[in-house]
PDB file of N, CA and C in Angstrom:
ATOM      1  N   MET A   1     110.081 238.998  82.773  1.00  0.00           N
ATOM      2  CA  MET A   1     111.196 239.637  82.115  1.00  0.00           C
ATOM      3  C   MET A   1     112.373 239.658  83.094  1.00  0.00           C
ATOM      4  N   THR A   2     113.544 239.331  82.618  1.00  0.00           N
ATOM      5  CA  THR A   2     114.718 239.375  83.485  1.00  0.00           C
ATOM      6  C   THR A   2     115.395 240.737  83.390  1.00  0.00           C
ATOM      7  N   LEU A   3     116.284 240.997  84.326  1.00  0.00           N
ATOM      8  CA  LEU A   3     117.046 242.241  84.268  1.00  0.00           C
ATOM      9  C   LEU A   3     117.934 242.267  83.028  1.00  0.00           C
ATOM     10  N   LYS A   4     118.360 241.107  82.575  1.00  0.00           N
ATOM     11  CA  LYS A   4     119.130 241.027  81.320  1.00  0.00           C
ATOM     12  C   LYS A   4     118.272 241.496  80.146  1.00  0.00           C
ATOM     13  N   ASP A   5     116.990 241.109  80.129  1.00  0.00           N
ATOM     14  CA  ASP A   5     116.076 241.572  79.080  1.00  0.00           C
ATOM     15  C   ASP A   5     115.936 243.088  79.110  1.00  0.00           C
ATOM     16  N   ILE A   6     115.844 243.631  80.308  1.00  0.00           N
ATOM     17  CA  ILE A   6     115.725 245.086  80.462  1.00  0.00           C
ATOM     18  C   ILE A   6     116.983 245.760  79.926  1.00  0.00           C
ATOM     19  N   ARG A   7     118.135 245.226  80.289  1.00  0.00           N
ATOM     20  CA  ARG A   7     119.402 245.762  79.787  1.00  0.00           C
ATOM     21  C   ARG A   7     119.400 245.797  78.262  1.00  0.00           C
ATOM     22  N   ASP A   8     118.969 244.687  77.662  1.00  0.00           N
ATOM     23  CA  ASP A   8     118.990 244.588  76.208  1.00  0.00           C
ATOM     24  C   ASP A   8     117.985 245.534  75.555  1.00  0.00           C
ATOM     25  N   LEU A   9     116.779 245.620  76.097  1.00  0.00           N
ATOM     26  CA  LEU A   9     115.750 246.506  75.531  1.00  0.00           C
ATOM     27  C   LEU A   9     116.161 247.968  75.568  1.00  0.00           C
ATOM     28  N   LEU A  10     116.801 248.366  76.656  1.00  0.00           N
ATOM     29  CA  LEU A  10     117.169 249.773  76.824  1.00  0.00           C
ATOM     30  C   LEU A  10     118.577 250.079  76.315  1.00  0.00           C
ATOM     31  N   HIS A  11     119.254 249.051  75.795  1.00  0.00           N
ATOM     32  CA  HIS A  11     120.655 249.220  75.377  1.00  0.00           C
ATOM     33  C   HIS A  11     121.451 249.859  76.506  1.00  0.00           C
ATOM     34  N   ALA A  12     121.216 249.335  77.702  1.00  0.00           N
ATOM     35  CA  ALA A  12     121.810 249.914  78.910  1.00  0.00           C
ATOM     36  C   ALA A  12     123.167 249.302  79.213  1.00  0.00           C
ATOM     37  N   GLN A  13     123.938 250.063  79.920  1.00  0.00           N
ATOM     38  CA  GLN A  13     125.239 249.599  80.413  1.00  0.00           C
ATOM     39  C   GLN A  13     125.054 249.206  81.874  1.00  0.00           C
ATOM     40  N   VAL A  14     125.514 248.020  82.245  1.00  0.00           N
ATOM     41  CA  VAL A  14     125.442 247.577  83.640  1.00  0.00           C
ATOM     42  C   VAL A  14     126.675 248.106  84.360  1.00  0.00           C
ATOM     43  N   LEU A  15     126.438 248.883  85.415  1.00  0.00           N
ATOM     44  CA  LEU A  15     127.542 249.491  86.161  1.00  0.00           C
ATOM     45  C   LEU A  15     127.924 248.672  87.390  1.00  0.00           C
ATOM     46  N   CYS A  16     126.961 247.937  87.933  1.00  0.00           N
ATOM     47  CA  CYS A  16     127.265 247.004  89.016  1.00  0.00           C
ATOM     48  C   CYS A  16     126.128 245.998  89.124  1.00  0.00           C
ATOM     49  N   GLY A  17     126.457 244.831  89.655  1.00  0.00           N
ATOM     50  CA  GLY A  17     125.456 243.789  89.842  1.00  0.00           C
ATOM     51  C   GLY A  17     125.255 242.880  88.657  1.00  0.00           C
ATOM     52  N   GLU A  18     126.215 242.818  87.766  1.00  0.00           N
ATOM     53  CA  GLU A  18     126.098 241.974  86.568  1.00  0.00           C
ATOM     54  C   GLU A  18     125.734 240.530  86.923  1.00  0.00           C
ATOM     55  N   GLU A  19     126.193 240.079  88.070  1.00  0.00           N
ATOM     56  CA  GLU A  19     125.921 238.695  88.484  1.00  0.00           C
ATOM     57  C   GLU A  19     124.451 238.446  88.830  1.00  0.00           C
ATOM     58  N   PHE A  20     123.649 239.505  88.918  1.00  0.00           N
ATOM     59  CA  PHE A  20     122.236 239.361  89.275  1.00  0.00           C
ATOM     60  C   PHE A  20     121.287 239.558  88.091  1.00  0.00           C
ATOM     61  N   LEU A  21     121.794 239.595  86.880  1.00  0.00           N
ATOM     62  CA  LEU A  21     120.957 239.883  85.713  1.00  0.00           C
ATOM     63  C   LEU A  21     119.925 238.810  85.418  1.00  0.00           C
ATOM     64  N   ASP A  22     120.031 237.663  86.060  1.00  0.00           N
ATOM     65  CA  ASP A  22     119.030 236.617  85.842  1.00  0.00           C
ATOM     66  C   ASP A  22     117.800 236.802  86.734  1.00  0.00           C
ATOM     67  N   ARG A  23     117.804 237.811  87.577  1.00  0.00           N
ATOM     68  CA  ARG A  23     116.647 238.087  88.434  1.00  0.00           C
ATOM     69  C   ARG A  23     115.434 238.448  87.582  1.00  0.00           C
ATOM     70  N   GLU A  24     114.271 238.042  88.072  1.00  0.00           N
ATOM     71  CA  GLU A  24     113.015 238.308  87.381  1.00  0.00           C
ATOM     72  C   GLU A  24     112.434 239.649  87.842  1.00  0.00           C
ATOM     73  N   ALA A  25     111.959 240.441  86.894  1.00  0.00           N
ATOM     74  CA  ALA A  25     111.284 241.702  87.191  1.00  0.00           C
ATOM     75  C   ALA A  25     109.883 241.632  86.607  1.00  0.00           C
ATOM     76  N   LYS A  26     108.889 241.857  87.445  1.00  0.00           N
ATOM     77  CA  LYS A  26     107.498 241.817  86.986  1.00  0.00           C
ATOM     78  C   LYS A  26     106.877 243.205  86.877  1.00  0.00           C
ATOM     79  N   SER A  27     107.559 244.208  87.455  1.00  0.00           N
ATOM     80  CA  SER A  27     106.993 245.554  87.423  1.00  0.00           C
ATOM     81  C   SER A  27     108.094 246.594  87.590  1.00  0.00           C
ATOM     82  N   ALA A  28     107.747 247.830  87.255  1.00  0.00           N
ATOM     83  CA  ALA A  28     108.707 248.928  87.347  1.00  0.00           C
ATOM     84  C   ALA A  28     107.975 250.224  87.664  1.00  0.00           C
ATOM     85  N   CYS A  29     108.737 251.205  88.080  1.00  0.00           N
ATOM     86  CA  CYS A  29     108.199 252.553  88.276  1.00  0.00           C
ATOM     87  C   CYS A  29     109.263 253.543  87.839  1.00  0.00           C
ATOM     88  N   ALA A  30     108.837 254.769  87.595  1.00  0.00           N
ATOM     89  CA  ALA A  30     109.762 255.810  87.171  1.00  0.00           C
ATOM     90  C   ALA A  30     109.460 257.093  87.922  1.00  0.00           C
ATOM     91  N   SER A  31     110.501 257.693  88.471  1.00  0.00           N
ATOM     92  CA  SER A  31     110.321 258.951  89.177  1.00  0.00           C
ATOM     93  C   SER A  31     111.659 259.619  89.415  1.00  0.00           C
ATOM     94  N   ASP A  32     111.656 260.934  89.373  1.00  0.00           N
ATOM     95  CA  ASP A  32     112.820 261.700  89.792  1.00  0.00           C
ATOM     96  C   ASP A  32     112.624 262.224  91.215  1.00  0.00           C
ATOM     97  N   PHE A  33     111.487 261.927  91.804  1.00  0.00           N
ATOM     98  CA  PHE A  33     111.197 262.343  93.176  1.00  0.00           C
ATOM     99  C   PHE A  33     111.122 261.113  94.059  1.00  0.00           C
ATOM    100  N   MET A  34     112.115 260.937  94.905  1.00  0.00           N
ATOM    101  CA  MET A  34     112.148 259.747  95.747  1.00  0.00           C
ATOM    102  C   MET A  34     111.016 259.770  96.768  1.00  0.00           C
ATOM    103  N   SER A  35     110.542 260.950  97.140  1.00  0.00           N
ATOM    104  CA  SER A  35     109.404 261.027  98.056  1.00  0.00           C
ATOM    105  C   SER A  35     108.149 260.442  97.408  1.00  0.00           C
ATOM    106  N   ASP A  36     107.969 260.655  96.103  1.00  0.00           N
ATOM    107  CA  ASP A  36     106.838 260.048  95.396  1.00  0.00           C
ATOM    108  C   ASP A  36     106.990 258.539  95.344  1.00  0.00           C
ATOM    109  N   ALA A  37     108.189 258.078  95.084  1.00  0.00           N
ATOM    110  CA  ALA A  37     108.419 256.632  95.043  1.00  0.00           C
ATOM    111  C   ALA A  37     108.073 256.015  96.396  1.00  0.00           C
ATOM    112  N   LEU A  38     108.508 256.636  97.460  1.00  0.00           N
ATOM    113  CA  LEU A  38     108.220 256.108  98.805  1.00  0.00           C
ATOM    114  C   LEU A  38     106.727 256.144  99.118  1.00  0.00           C
ATOM    115  N   ALA A  39     106.040 257.159  98.634  1.00  0.00           N
ATOM    116  CA  ALA A  39     104.622 257.314  98.955  1.00  0.00           C
ATOM    117  C   ALA A  39     103.714 256.422  98.118  1.00  0.00           C
ATOM    118  N   TYR A  40     104.075 256.175  96.868  1.00  0.00           N
ATOM    119  CA  TYR A  40     103.130 255.537  95.960  1.00  0.00           C
ATOM    120  C   TYR A  40     103.542 254.176  95.419  1.00  0.00           C
ATOM    121  N   VAL A  41     104.790 253.798  95.577  1.00  0.00           N
ATOM    122  CA  VAL A  41     105.283 252.578  94.941  1.00  0.00           C
ATOM    123  C   VAL A  41     105.171 251.392  95.882  1.00  0.00           C
ATOM    124  N   LYS A  42     104.648 250.298  95.328  1.00  0.00           N
ATOM    125  CA  LYS A  42     104.561 249.043  96.070  1.00  0.00           C
ATOM    126  C   LYS A  42     104.889 247.913  95.096  1.00  0.00           C
ATOM    127  N   ASP A  43     105.656 246.961  95.543  1.00  0.00           N
ATOM    128  CA  ASP A  43     105.945 245.748  94.771  1.00  0.00           C
ATOM    129  C   ASP A  43     106.515 246.033  93.390  1.00  0.00           C
ATOM    130  N   GLN A  44     107.452 246.945  93.313  1.00  0.00           N
ATOM    131  CA  GLN A  44     108.127 247.233  92.056  1.00  0.00           C
ATOM    132  C   GLN A  44     109.539 246.669  92.132  1.00  0.00           C
ATOM    133  N   ALA A  45     110.022 246.119  91.056  1.00  0.00           N
ATOM    134  CA  ALA A  45     111.355 245.528  91.028  1.00  0.00           C
ATOM    135  C   ALA A  45     112.397 246.479  90.458  1.00  0.00           C
ATOM    136  N   VAL A  46     111.957 247.412  89.596  1.00  0.00           N
ATOM    137  CA  VAL A  46     112.890 248.272  88.878  1.00  0.00           C
ATOM    138  C   VAL A  46     112.483 249.735  89.060  1.00  0.00           C
ATOM    139  N   LEU A  47     113.476 250.576  89.352  1.00  0.00           N
ATOM    140  CA  LEU A  47     113.264 252.011  89.465  1.00  0.00           C
ATOM    141  C   LEU A  47     114.009 252.699  88.335  1.00  0.00           C
ATOM    142  N   LEU A  48     113.287 253.460  87.533  1.00  0.00           N
ATOM    143  CA  LEU A  48     113.906 254.279  86.492  1.00  0.00           C
ATOM    144  C   LEU A  48     113.922 255.714  86.982  1.00  0.00           C
ATOM    145  N   THR A  49     115.074 256.358  86.893  1.00  0.00           N
ATOM    146  CA  THR A  49     115.188 257.719  87.395  1.00  0.00           C
ATOM    147  C   THR A  49     116.316 258.460  86.700  1.00  0.00           C
ATOM    148  N   GLY A  50     116.235 259.771  86.753  1.00  0.00           N
ATOM    149  CA  GLY A  50     117.317 260.617  86.278  1.00  0.00           C
ATOM    150  C   GLY A  50     117.995 261.318  87.437  1.00  0.00           C
ATOM    151  N   MET A  51     117.527 261.043  88.632  1.00  0.00           N
ATOM    152  CA  MET A  51     118.105 261.650  89.831  1.00  0.00           C
ATOM    153  C   MET A  51     119.353 260.865  90.232  1.00  0.00           C
ATOM    154  N   VAL A  52     120.453 261.555  90.357  1.00  0.00           N
ATOM    155  CA  VAL A  52     121.720 260.885  90.636  1.00  0.00           C
ATOM    156  C   VAL A  52     122.246 261.340  92.000  1.00  0.00           C
ATOM    157  N   ASN A  53     121.821 260.645  93.039  1.00  0.00           N
ATOM    158  CA  ASN A  53     122.394 260.848  94.365  1.00  0.00           C
ATOM    159  C   ASN A  53     122.159 259.601  95.218  1.00  0.00           C
ATOM    160  N   PRO A  54     122.842 259.476  96.342  1.00  0.00           N
ATOM    161  CA  PRO A  54     122.741 258.257  97.153  1.00  0.00           C
ATOM    162  C   PRO A  54     121.332 257.947  97.648  1.00  0.00           C
ATOM    163  N   GLN A  55     120.464 258.946  97.729  1.00  0.00           N
ATOM    164  CA  GLN A  55     119.087 258.695  98.190  1.00  0.00           C
ATOM    165  C   GLN A  55     118.349 257.723  97.279  1.00  0.00           C
ATOM    166  N   VAL A  56     118.729 257.680  96.029  1.00  0.00           N
ATOM    167  CA  VAL A  56     118.089 256.758  95.092  1.00  0.00           C
ATOM    168  C   VAL A  56     118.320 255.317  95.536  1.00  0.00           C
ATOM    169  N   VAL A  57     119.545 255.000  95.928  1.00  0.00           N
ATOM    170  CA  VAL A  57     119.852 253.641  96.387  1.00  0.00           C
ATOM    171  C   VAL A  57     119.144 253.359  97.700  1.00  0.00           C
ATOM    172  N   ARG A  58     119.140 254.310  98.586  1.00  0.00           N
ATOM    173  CA  ARG A  58     118.458 254.113  99.876  1.00  0.00           C
ATOM    174  C   ARG A  58     116.954 253.902  99.679  1.00  0.00           C
ATOM    175  N   THR A  59     116.376 254.644  98.759  1.00  0.00           N
ATOM    176  CA  THR A  59     114.954 254.470  98.438  1.00  0.00           C
ATOM    177  C   THR A  59     114.701 253.088  97.846  1.00  0.00           C
ATOM    178  N   ALA A  60     115.532 252.689  96.892  1.00  0.00           N
ATOM    179  CA  ALA A  60     115.384 251.372  96.270  1.00  0.00           C
ATOM    180  C   ALA A  60     115.496 250.266  97.319  1.00  0.00           C
ATOM    181  N   GLU A  61     116.416 250.436  98.245  1.00  0.00           N
ATOM    182  CA  GLU A  61     116.577 249.437  99.303  1.00  0.00           C
ATOM    183  C   GLU A  61     115.322 249.368 100.188  1.00  0.00           C
ATOM    184  N   MET A  62     114.798 250.500 100.567  1.00  0.00           N
ATOM    185  CA  MET A  62     113.599 250.530 101.427  1.00  0.00           C
ATOM    186  C   MET A  62     112.415 249.874 100.740  1.00  0.00           C
ATOM    187  N   LEU A  63     112.365 249.961  99.415  1.00  0.00           N
ATOM    188  CA  LEU A  63     111.249 249.409  98.650  1.00  0.00           C
ATOM    189  C   LEU A  63     111.547 248.011  98.107  1.00  0.00           C
ATOM    190  N   ASP A  64     112.665 247.419  98.539  1.00  0.00           N
ATOM    191  CA  ASP A  64     113.077 246.076  98.104  1.00  0.00           C
ATOM    192  C   ASP A  64     113.189 245.968  96.585  1.00  0.00           C
ATOM    193  N   MET A  65     113.683 246.995  95.950  1.00  0.00           N
ATOM    194  CA  MET A  65     113.867 246.972  94.501  1.00  0.00           C
ATOM    195  C   MET A  65     115.159 246.246  94.160  1.00  0.00           C
ATOM    196  N   GLN A  66     115.158 245.604  93.012  1.00  0.00           N
ATOM    197  CA  GLN A  66     116.311 244.832  92.568  1.00  0.00           C
ATOM    198  C   GLN A  66     117.237 245.608  91.652  1.00  0.00           C
ATOM    199  N   CYS A  67     116.717 246.665  91.034  1.00  0.00           N
ATOM    200  CA  CYS A  67     117.478 247.321  89.973  1.00  0.00           C
ATOM    201  C   CYS A  67     117.124 248.805  89.884  1.00  0.00           C
ATOM    202  N   ILE A  68     118.143 249.606  89.632  1.00  0.00           N
ATOM    203  CA  ILE A  68     117.975 251.030  89.345  1.00  0.00           C
ATOM    204  C   ILE A  68     118.504 251.266  87.937  1.00  0.00           C
ATOM    205  N   VAL A  69     117.699 251.936  87.122  1.00  0.00           N
ATOM    206  CA  VAL A  69     118.142 252.315  85.782  1.00  0.00           C
ATOM    207  C   VAL A  69     118.181 253.839  85.717  1.00  0.00           C
ATOM    208  N   PHE A  70     119.377 254.384  85.538  1.00  0.00           N
ATOM    209  CA  PHE A  70     119.522 255.826  85.361  1.00  0.00           C
ATOM    210  C   PHE A  70     119.322 256.137  83.887  1.00  0.00           C
ATOM    211  N   VAL A  71     118.361 257.009  83.604  1.00  0.00           N
ATOM    212  CA  VAL A  71     117.996 257.349  82.228  1.00  0.00           C
ATOM    213  C   VAL A  71     118.631 258.682  81.828  1.00  0.00           C
ATOM    214  N   ARG A  72     118.410 259.066  80.584  1.00  0.00           N
ATOM    215  CA  ARG A  72     118.883 260.355  80.054  1.00  0.00           C
ATOM    216  C   ARG A  72     120.397 260.506  80.127  1.00  0.00           C
ATOM    217  N   GLY A  73     121.118 259.381  80.092  1.00  0.00           N
ATOM    218  CA  GLY A  73     122.573 259.440  80.092  1.00  0.00           C
ATOM    219  C   GLY A  73     123.201 259.809  81.420  1.00  0.00           C
ATOM    220  N   LYS A  74     122.418 259.797  82.474  1.00  0.00           N
ATOM    221  CA  LYS A  74     122.946 260.139  83.794  1.00  0.00           C
ATOM    222  C   LYS A  74     123.910 259.052  84.259  1.00  0.00           C
ATOM    223  N   GLN A  75     125.014 259.471  84.851  1.00  0.00           N
ATOM    224  CA  GLN A  75     126.051 258.549  85.323  1.00  0.00           C
ATOM    225  C   GLN A  75     126.213 258.712  86.832  1.00  0.00           C
ATOM    226  N   PRO A  76     125.901 257.654  87.597  1.00  0.00           N
ATOM    227  CA  PRO A  76     126.071 257.744  89.051  1.00  0.00           C
ATOM    228  C   PRO A  76     127.547 257.731  89.429  1.00  0.00           C
ATOM    229  N   GLY A  77     127.851 258.372  90.546  1.00  0.00           N
ATOM    230  CA  GLY A  77     129.216 258.382  91.051  1.00  0.00           C
ATOM    231  C   GLY A  77     129.556 257.088  91.774  1.00  0.00           C
ATOM    232  N   GLU A  78     130.798 256.960  92.129  1.00  0.00           N
ATOM    233  CA  GLU A  78     131.269 255.761  92.811  1.00  0.00           C
ATOM    234  C   GLU A  78     130.598 255.586  94.168  1.00  0.00           C
ATOM    235  N   ASP A  79     130.236 256.684  94.836  1.00  0.00           N
ATOM    236  CA  ASP A  79     129.542 256.567  96.127  1.00  0.00           C
ATOM    237  C   ASP A  79     128.200 255.854  95.969  1.00  0.00           C
ATOM    238  N   ILE A  80     127.492 256.157  94.903  1.00  0.00           N
ATOM    239  CA  ILE A  80     126.202 255.515  94.623  1.00  0.00           C
ATOM    240  C   ILE A  80     126.413 254.046  94.269  1.00  0.00           C
ATOM    241  N   LEU A  81     127.394 253.766  93.451  1.00  0.00           N
ATOM    242  CA  LEU A  81     127.666 252.386  93.057  1.00  0.00           C
ATOM    243  C   LEU A  81     128.119 251.546  94.251  1.00  0.00           C
ATOM    244  N   ALA A  82     128.908 252.130  95.142  1.00  0.00           N
ATOM    245  CA  ALA A  82     129.352 251.395  96.331  1.00  0.00           C
ATOM    246  C   ALA A  82     128.157 251.024  97.214  1.00  0.00           C
ATOM    247  N   LEU A  83     127.231 251.953  97.398  1.00  0.00           N
ATOM    248  CA  LEU A  83     126.011 251.652  98.177  1.00  0.00           C
ATOM    249  C   LEU A  83     125.207 250.537  97.524  1.00  0.00           C
ATOM    250  N   ALA A  84     125.070 250.614  96.213  1.00  0.00           N
ATOM    251  CA  ALA A  84     124.297 249.590  95.497  1.00  0.00           C
ATOM    252  C   ALA A  84     124.974 248.225  95.602  1.00  0.00           C
ATOM    253  N   ARG A  85     126.282 248.185  95.500  1.00  0.00           N
ATOM    254  CA  ARG A  85     127.006 246.904  95.640  1.00  0.00           C
ATOM    255  C   ARG A  85     126.777 246.294  97.019  1.00  0.00           C
ATOM    256  N   GLU A  86     126.840 247.122  98.045  1.00  0.00           N
ATOM    257  CA  GLU A  86     126.627 246.648  99.421  1.00  0.00           C
ATOM    258  C   GLU A  86     125.242 246.029  99.589  1.00  0.00           C
ATOM    259  N   ARG A  87     124.288 246.509  98.805  1.00  0.00           N
ATOM    260  CA  ARG A  87     122.897 246.079  98.951  1.00  0.00           C
ATOM    261  C   ARG A  87     122.441 245.116  97.852  1.00  0.00           C
ATOM    262  N   ASP A  88     123.386 244.665  97.023  1.00  0.00           N
ATOM    263  CA  ASP A  88     123.101 243.732  95.921  1.00  0.00           C
ATOM    264  C   ASP A  88     122.035 244.260  94.970  1.00  0.00           C
ATOM    265  N   ILE A  89     122.089 245.553  94.689  1.00  0.00           N
ATOM    266  CA  ILE A  89     121.161 246.184  93.743  1.00  0.00           C
ATOM    267  C   ILE A  89     121.886 246.394  92.426  1.00  0.00           C
ATOM    268  N   VAL A  90     121.268 245.952  91.350  1.00  0.00           N
ATOM    269  CA  VAL A  90     121.827 246.144  90.011  1.00  0.00           C
ATOM    270  C   VAL A  90     121.658 247.614  89.623  1.00  0.00           C
ATOM    271  N   VAL A  91     122.693 248.186  89.047  1.00  0.00           N
ATOM    272  CA  VAL A  91     122.621 249.569  88.562  1.00  0.00           C
ATOM    273  C   VAL A  91     122.978 249.579  87.081  1.00  0.00           C
ATOM    274  N   MET A  92     122.100 250.201  86.304  1.00  0.00           N
ATOM    275  CA  MET A  92     122.313 250.356  84.867  1.00  0.00           C
ATOM    276  C   MET A  92     122.147 251.828  84.504  1.00  0.00           C
ATOM    277  N   CYS A  93     122.673 252.194  83.349  1.00  0.00           N
ATOM    278  CA  CYS A  93     122.394 253.522  82.812  1.00  0.00           C
ATOM    279  C   CYS A  93     122.156 253.398  81.317  1.00  0.00           C
ATOM    280  N   CYS A  94     121.325 254.289  80.808  1.00  0.00           N
ATOM    281  CA  CYS A  94     121.037 254.304  79.374  1.00  0.00           C
ATOM    282  C   CYS A  94     120.852 255.749  78.929  1.00  0.00           C
ATOM    283  N   ASP A  95     120.942 255.963  77.632  1.00  0.00           N
ATOM    284  CA  ASP A  95     120.812 257.308  77.076  1.00  0.00           C
ATOM    285  C   ASP A  95     119.365 257.677  76.764  1.00  0.00           C
ATOM    286  N   ILE A  96     118.461 256.747  76.920  1.00  0.00           N
ATOM    287  CA  ILE A  96     117.061 256.941  76.541  1.00  0.00           C
ATOM    288  C   ILE A  96     116.349 257.834  77.575  1.00  0.00           C
ATOM    289  N   ARG A  97     115.432 258.681  77.077  1.00  0.00           N
ATOM    290  CA  ARG A  97     114.620 259.486  77.993  1.00  0.00           C
ATOM    291  C   ARG A  97     113.681 258.585  78.782  1.00  0.00           C
ATOM    292  N   MET A  98     113.274 259.034  79.952  1.00  0.00           N
ATOM    293  CA  MET A  98     112.461 258.220  80.848  1.00  0.00           C
ATOM    294  C   MET A  98     111.152 257.768  80.195  1.00  0.00           C
ATOM    295  N   PHE A  99     110.473 258.653  79.515  1.00  0.00           N
ATOM    296  CA  PHE A  99     109.196 258.323  78.888  1.00  0.00           C
ATOM    297  C   PHE A  99     109.350 257.183  77.887  1.00  0.00           C
ATOM    298  N   ILE A 100     110.364 257.266  77.055  1.00  0.00           N
ATOM    299  CA  ILE A 100     110.609 256.232  76.048  1.00  0.00           C
ATOM    300  C   ILE A 100     111.012 254.921  76.717  1.00  0.00           C
ATOM    301  N   ALA A 101     111.870 254.994  77.727  1.00  0.00           N
ATOM    302  CA  ALA A 101     112.299 253.784  78.438  1.00  0.00           C
ATOM    303  C   ALA A 101     111.101 253.078  79.063  1.00  0.00           C
ATOM    304  N   CYS A 102     110.226 253.828  79.690  1.00  0.00           N
ATOM    305  CA  CYS A 102     109.023 253.233  80.294  1.00  0.00           C
ATOM    306  C   CYS A 102     108.140 252.606  79.218  1.00  0.00           C
ATOM    307  N   GLY A 103     107.966 253.302  78.118  1.00  0.00           N
ATOM    308  CA  GLY A 103     107.146 252.777  77.025  1.00  0.00           C
ATOM    309  C   GLY A 103     107.708 251.486  76.454  1.00  0.00           C
ATOM    310  N   LEU A 104     109.013 251.429  76.288  1.00  0.00           N
ATOM    311  CA  LEU A 104     109.650 250.202  75.781  1.00  0.00           C
ATOM    312  C   LEU A 104     109.412 249.036  76.738  1.00  0.00           C
ATOM    313  N   LEU A 105     109.626 249.267  78.001  1.00  0.00           N
ATOM    314  CA  LEU A 105     109.452 248.197  78.989  1.00  0.00           C
ATOM    315  C   LEU A 105     107.997 247.760  79.068  1.00  0.00           C
ATOM    316  N   TYR A 106     107.096 248.730  79.074  1.00  0.00           N
ATOM    317  CA  TYR A 106     105.662 248.406  79.152  1.00  0.00           C
ATOM    318  C   TYR A 106     105.205 247.635  77.918  1.00  0.00           C
ATOM    319  N   SER A 107     105.650 248.052  76.751  1.00  0.00           N
ATOM    320  CA  SER A 107     105.222 247.406  75.515  1.00  0.00           C
ATOM    321  C   SER A 107     105.784 245.984  75.372  1.00  0.00           C
ATOM    322  N   HIS A 108     106.796 245.676  76.158  1.00  0.00           N
ATOM    323  CA  HIS A 108     107.361 244.324  76.159  1.00  0.00           C
ATOM    324  C   HIS A 108     106.927 243.508  77.381  1.00  0.00           C
ATOM    325  N   GLY A 109     105.884 243.979  78.065  1.00  0.00           N
ATOM    326  CA  GLY A 109     105.263 243.164  79.095  1.00  0.00           C
ATOM    327  C   GLY A 109     105.579 243.503  80.537  1.00  0.00           C
ATOM    328  N   LEU A 110     106.387 244.510  80.797  1.00  0.00           N
ATOM    329  CA  LEU A 110     106.667 244.878  82.174  1.00  0.00           C
ATOM    330  C   LEU A 110     105.567 245.814  82.661  1.00  0.00           C
ATOM    331  N   ALA A 111     104.929 245.436  83.737  1.00  0.00           N
ATOM    332  CA  ALA A 111     103.774 246.177  84.238  1.00  0.00           C
ATOM    333  C   ALA A 111     104.192 247.317  85.159  1.00  0.00           C
ATOM    334  N   GLY A 112     103.275 248.247  85.326  1.00  0.00           N
ATOM    335  CA  GLY A 112     103.402 249.269  86.354  1.00  0.00           C
ATOM    336  C   GLY A 112     102.606 248.806  87.553  1.00  0.00           C
ATOM    337  N   GLU A 113     102.315 249.697  88.452  1.00  0.00           N
ATOM    338  CA  GLU A 113     101.553 249.315  89.648  1.00  0.00           C
ATOM    339  C   GLU A 113     100.092 249.124  89.330  1.00  0.00           C
TER     340      GLU A 113
END
């Protein structure tokens, strides 16, 4: 599944990294606790979260993630988007709740860990 497919499935808005939407994503994780993501996540391409602060980008970078999807209508600030641009991380946002977003992605073939 490409990041473009994820955008389309979640009816998400791409806030930065549009040029990277052809990247392939084979797995995803969801968490509002970046400490959990750091402790338990391995080989995930996409992070779904409702937490809106710069630590999300730093966590995604440490885990070599390609994309962050902010769920529940959360809108990251320019500081978060600037960090993501520097690190070539795609940032999207959608109005869908995290549980539903995960279910949609999973039902269309995106695996968890």
